[in-house]
């Protein structure tokens, strides 16, 4: 049984690694949107139970897309993303 789940995990990782860097960046952008929505729902005029349910669902989707995006871009892609934001802008 343990080997079965290892095989499934490995096939998922191989599939995600085959996706492009651009796809990974798009998934990470969607992740940011889910984070924003998970906390913005607190402003809705609905019951506390509904707010809690929405928060759990949206925050869970944010975490899912975060880890999926990181699996897609990989370590080298994450360095590329960080390097993009660390660049200094030329002063005029």
N, C-alpha and C. Protein backbone atom coordinates (compact mmCIF):
# COMPACT_ATOMS: atom_id res chain seq x y z
N UNK A 1 0.82 -1.19 0.00
CA UNK A 1 0.00 0.00 0.00
C UNK A 1 0.87 1.27 0.00
N UNK A 2 1.97 1.22 0.78
CA UNK A 2 2.86 2.36 0.85
C UNK A 2 3.49 2.64 -0.51
N UNK A 3 3.88 1.61 -1.21
CA UNK A 3 4.47 1.76 -2.53
C UNK A 3 3.46 2.33 -3.52
N UNK A 4 2.19 1.97 -3.38
CA UNK A 4 1.12 2.47 -4.24
C UNK A 4 1.04 4.00 -4.14
N UNK A 5 1.04 4.52 -2.91
CA UNK A 5 0.94 5.96 -2.72
C UNK A 5 2.22 6.68 -3.16
N UNK A 6 3.37 6.02 -3.00
CA UNK A 6 4.62 6.60 -3.49
C UNK A 6 4.57 6.75 -5.01
N UNK A 7 4.04 5.74 -5.68
CA UNK A 7 3.93 5.80 -7.14
C UNK A 7 2.98 6.90 -7.59
N UNK A 8 1.86 7.06 -6.88
CA UNK A 8 0.91 8.11 -7.21
C UNK A 8 1.55 9.48 -7.00
N UNK A 9 2.23 9.67 -5.87
CA UNK A 9 2.88 10.95 -5.57
C UNK A 9 3.93 11.26 -6.63
N UNK A 10 4.71 10.26 -7.01
CA UNK A 10 5.75 10.47 -8.01
C UNK A 10 5.16 10.84 -9.36
N UNK A 11 4.05 10.22 -9.74
CA UNK A 11 3.42 10.55 -11.02
C UNK A 11 2.84 11.97 -11.00
N UNK A 12 2.31 12.40 -9.86
CA UNK A 12 1.80 13.77 -9.73
C UNK A 12 2.95 14.77 -9.85
N UNK A 13 4.06 14.49 -9.16
CA UNK A 13 5.22 15.38 -9.22
C UNK A 13 5.77 15.46 -10.64
N UNK A 14 5.83 14.35 -11.33
CA UNK A 14 6.33 14.35 -12.70
C UNK A 14 5.42 15.16 -13.62
N UNK A 15 4.11 15.03 -13.43
CA UNK A 15 3.16 15.79 -14.24
C UNK A 15 3.34 17.29 -14.01
N UNK A 16 3.40 17.69 -12.73
CA UNK A 16 3.54 19.11 -12.40
C UNK A 16 4.89 19.67 -12.87
N UNK A 17 5.93 18.86 -12.78
CA UNK A 17 7.25 19.32 -13.22
C UNK A 17 7.29 19.52 -14.73
N UNK A 18 6.41 18.85 -15.44
CA UNK A 18 6.36 19.01 -16.89
C UNK A 18 5.67 20.26 -17.36
N UNK A 19 4.98 20.95 -16.45
CA UNK A 19 4.31 22.19 -16.82
C UNK A 19 5.33 23.33 -16.91
N UNK A 20 4.97 24.37 -17.63
CA UNK A 20 5.92 25.45 -17.88
C UNK A 20 6.05 26.39 -16.68
N UNK A 21 7.14 27.16 -16.71
CA UNK A 21 7.39 28.17 -15.68
C UNK A 21 6.25 29.19 -15.64
N UNK A 22 5.78 29.57 -16.82
CA UNK A 22 4.70 30.55 -16.91
C UNK A 22 3.43 30.04 -16.23
N UNK A 23 3.13 28.77 -16.40
CA UNK A 23 1.97 28.18 -15.75
C UNK A 23 2.12 28.25 -14.23
N UNK A 24 3.32 27.98 -13.74
CA UNK A 24 3.58 28.06 -12.30
C UNK A 24 3.38 29.47 -11.77
N UNK A 25 3.81 30.47 -12.52
CA UNK A 25 3.64 31.86 -12.09
C UNK A 25 2.15 32.21 -12.07
N UNK A 26 1.40 31.74 -13.04
CA UNK A 26 -0.05 32.00 -13.06
C UNK A 26 -0.72 31.37 -11.86
N UNK A 27 -0.33 30.14 -11.51
CA UNK A 27 -0.90 29.47 -10.34
C UNK A 27 -0.54 30.24 -9.07
N UNK A 28 0.67 30.78 -8.98
CA UNK A 28 1.05 31.57 -7.81
C UNK A 28 0.27 32.88 -7.73
N UNK A 29 -0.06 33.47 -8.86
CA UNK A 29 -0.89 34.68 -8.86
C UNK A 29 -2.30 34.35 -8.38
N UNK A 30 -2.82 33.22 -8.81
CA UNK A 30 -4.14 32.77 -8.33
C UNK A 30 -4.09 32.53 -6.83
N UNK A 31 -2.96 32.04 -6.34
CA UNK A 31 -2.77 31.84 -4.90
C UNK A 31 -2.94 33.15 -4.14
N UNK A 32 -2.33 34.21 -4.65
CA UNK A 32 -2.44 35.53 -4.00
C UNK A 32 -3.90 35.99 -3.98
N UNK A 33 -4.61 35.75 -5.07
CA UNK A 33 -6.03 36.13 -5.11
C UNK A 33 -6.84 35.37 -4.07
N UNK A 34 -6.56 34.08 -3.89
CA UNK A 34 -7.27 33.31 -2.87
C UNK A 34 -6.95 33.82 -1.47
N UNK A 35 -5.70 34.21 -1.21
CA UNK A 35 -5.36 34.79 0.09
C UNK A 35 -6.15 36.08 0.32
N UNK A 36 -6.22 36.93 -0.69
CA UNK A 36 -6.97 38.18 -0.54
C UNK A 36 -8.44 37.90 -0.26
N UNK A 37 -9.02 36.97 -1.03
CA UNK A 37 -10.43 36.63 -0.83
C UNK A 37 -10.68 36.01 0.54
N UNK A 38 -9.73 35.21 1.03
CA UNK A 38 -9.95 34.53 2.31
C UNK A 38 -10.06 35.53 3.47
N UNK A 39 -9.38 36.65 3.35
CA UNK A 39 -9.48 37.65 4.42
C UNK A 39 -10.50 38.73 4.10
N UNK A 40 -10.79 38.98 2.84
CA UNK A 40 -11.78 39.99 2.47
C UNK A 40 -13.20 39.53 2.78
N UNK A 41 -13.42 38.23 2.87
CA UNK A 41 -14.77 37.73 3.16
C UNK A 41 -15.24 38.15 4.55
N UNK A 42 -14.32 38.57 5.42
CA UNK A 42 -14.69 39.02 6.76
C UNK A 42 -15.56 40.28 6.70
N UNK A 43 -15.49 41.01 5.60
CA UNK A 43 -16.28 42.24 5.46
C UNK A 43 -17.71 41.98 5.00
N UNK A 44 -18.01 40.74 4.61
CA UNK A 44 -19.36 40.43 4.13
C UNK A 44 -20.36 40.42 5.28
N UNK A 45 -21.58 40.88 5.02
CA UNK A 45 -22.61 40.90 6.08
C UNK A 45 -23.33 39.55 6.17
N UNK A 46 -22.60 38.50 6.57
CA UNK A 46 -23.19 37.17 6.71
C UNK A 46 -22.86 36.63 8.09
N UNK A 47 -23.41 35.48 8.43
CA UNK A 47 -23.22 34.93 9.77
C UNK A 47 -21.77 34.49 9.98
N UNK A 48 -21.43 34.35 11.26
CA UNK A 48 -20.07 33.96 11.62
C UNK A 48 -19.78 32.55 11.11
N UNK A 49 -20.75 31.69 11.15
CA UNK A 49 -20.55 30.31 10.66
C UNK A 49 -20.24 30.31 9.16
N UNK A 50 -20.95 31.12 8.41
CA UNK A 50 -20.71 31.20 6.97
C UNK A 50 -19.34 31.81 6.69
N UNK A 51 -18.96 32.83 7.47
CA UNK A 51 -17.64 33.45 7.30
C UNK A 51 -16.54 32.43 7.60
N UNK A 52 -16.72 31.65 8.65
CA UNK A 52 -15.72 30.65 9.01
C UNK A 52 -15.59 29.60 7.92
N UNK A 53 -16.71 29.16 7.40
CA UNK A 53 -16.69 28.17 6.33
C UNK A 53 -15.99 28.72 5.09
N UNK A 54 -16.34 29.95 4.71
CA UNK A 54 -15.69 30.57 3.56
C UNK A 54 -14.19 30.72 3.78
N UNK A 55 -13.80 31.11 5.01
CA UNK A 55 -12.39 31.30 5.28
C UNK A 55 -11.64 29.98 5.15
N UNK A 56 -12.19 28.90 5.70
CA UNK A 56 -11.52 27.60 5.63
C UNK A 56 -11.36 27.16 4.17
N UNK A 57 -12.41 27.32 3.39
CA UNK A 57 -12.36 26.90 1.98
C UNK A 57 -11.37 27.75 1.19
N UNK A 58 -11.46 29.07 1.32
CA UNK A 58 -10.60 29.97 0.55
C UNK A 58 -9.14 29.88 0.98
N UNK A 59 -8.91 29.77 2.30
CA UNK A 59 -7.53 29.65 2.78
C UNK A 59 -6.94 28.31 2.37
N UNK A 60 -7.75 27.27 2.39
CA UNK A 60 -7.29 25.97 1.92
C UNK A 60 -6.94 25.99 0.44
N UNK A 61 -7.75 26.67 -0.36
CA UNK A 61 -7.44 26.80 -1.79
C UNK A 61 -6.17 27.62 -2.00
N UNK A 62 -5.95 28.63 -1.16
CA UNK A 62 -4.74 29.43 -1.26
C UNK A 62 -3.51 28.57 -0.99
N UNK A 63 -3.57 27.75 0.05
CA UNK A 63 -2.45 26.88 0.37
C UNK A 63 -2.24 25.84 -0.72
N UNK A 64 -3.32 25.27 -1.24
CA UNK A 64 -3.21 24.27 -2.31
C UNK A 64 -2.54 24.87 -3.55
N UNK A 65 -2.98 26.05 -3.96
CA UNK A 65 -2.38 26.68 -5.14
C UNK A 65 -0.95 27.14 -4.86
N UNK A 66 -0.66 27.52 -3.61
CA UNK A 66 0.71 27.92 -3.26
C UNK A 66 1.67 26.76 -3.45
N UNK A 67 1.36 25.63 -2.86
CA UNK A 67 2.26 24.49 -2.94
C UNK A 67 2.30 23.91 -4.34
N UNK A 68 1.18 23.95 -5.05
CA UNK A 68 1.17 23.47 -6.43
C UNK A 68 2.04 24.37 -7.31
N UNK A 69 1.91 25.68 -7.15
CA UNK A 69 2.73 26.61 -7.92
C UNK A 69 4.20 26.45 -7.63
N UNK A 70 4.54 26.21 -6.36
CA UNK A 70 5.95 26.01 -6.02
C UNK A 70 6.48 24.71 -6.60
N UNK A 71 5.65 23.68 -6.64
CA UNK A 71 6.07 22.43 -7.27
C UNK A 71 6.29 22.62 -8.76
N UNK A 72 5.46 23.44 -9.39
CA UNK A 72 5.58 23.65 -10.84
C UNK A 72 6.84 24.45 -11.16
N UNK A 73 7.08 25.56 -10.47
CA UNK A 73 8.23 26.39 -10.82
C UNK A 73 9.54 25.78 -10.33
N UNK A 74 9.52 25.04 -9.25
CA UNK A 74 10.73 24.41 -8.74
C UNK A 74 11.64 25.40 -8.05
N UNK A 75 12.77 24.90 -7.58
CA UNK A 75 13.71 25.74 -6.83
C UNK A 75 14.34 26.81 -7.72
N UNK A 76 14.71 26.42 -8.93
CA UNK A 76 15.35 27.39 -9.83
C UNK A 76 14.36 28.47 -10.26
N UNK A 77 13.13 28.10 -10.50
CA UNK A 77 12.11 29.07 -10.86
C UNK A 77 11.82 30.04 -9.72
N UNK A 78 11.84 29.52 -8.49
CA UNK A 78 11.62 30.40 -7.33
C UNK A 78 12.74 31.41 -7.22
N UNK A 79 13.97 30.99 -7.53
CA UNK A 79 15.10 31.95 -7.53
C UNK A 79 14.90 33.01 -8.61
N UNK A 80 14.38 32.62 -9.76
CA UNK A 80 14.11 33.59 -10.83
C UNK A 80 13.07 34.61 -10.38
N UNK A 81 12.02 34.14 -9.71
CA UNK A 81 10.96 35.05 -9.25
C UNK A 81 11.51 36.02 -8.21
N UNK A 82 12.26 35.49 -7.24
CA UNK A 82 12.84 36.36 -6.21
C UNK A 82 13.81 37.36 -6.82
N UNK A 83 14.59 36.93 -7.81
CA UNK A 83 15.53 37.82 -8.47
C UNK A 83 14.83 38.94 -9.20
N UNK A 84 13.67 38.65 -9.76
CA UNK A 84 12.90 39.68 -10.46
C UNK A 84 12.49 40.80 -9.50
N UNK A 85 12.09 40.43 -8.29
CA UNK A 85 11.64 41.44 -7.33
C UNK A 85 12.79 42.13 -6.61
N UNK A 86 13.97 41.53 -6.62
CA UNK A 86 15.13 42.14 -5.96
C UNK A 86 15.85 43.16 -6.83
N UNK A 87 15.59 43.14 -8.12
CA UNK A 87 16.26 44.10 -9.02
C UNK A 87 15.95 45.52 -8.60
N UNK A 88 16.98 46.33 -8.66
CA UNK A 88 16.76 47.74 -8.34
C UNK A 88 16.36 48.48 -9.61
N UNK A 89 15.49 49.40 -9.47
CA UNK A 89 15.02 50.19 -10.60
C UNK A 89 16.01 51.33 -10.84
N UNK A 90 16.33 51.63 -12.10
CA UNK A 90 17.24 52.76 -12.37
C UNK A 90 16.59 54.08 -11.98
N UNK A 91 17.38 54.90 -11.31
CA UNK A 91 16.86 56.21 -10.89
C UNK A 91 17.07 57.23 -11.99
N UNK A 92 16.09 58.07 -12.17
CA UNK A 92 16.15 59.08 -13.23
C UNK A 92 16.52 60.42 -12.68
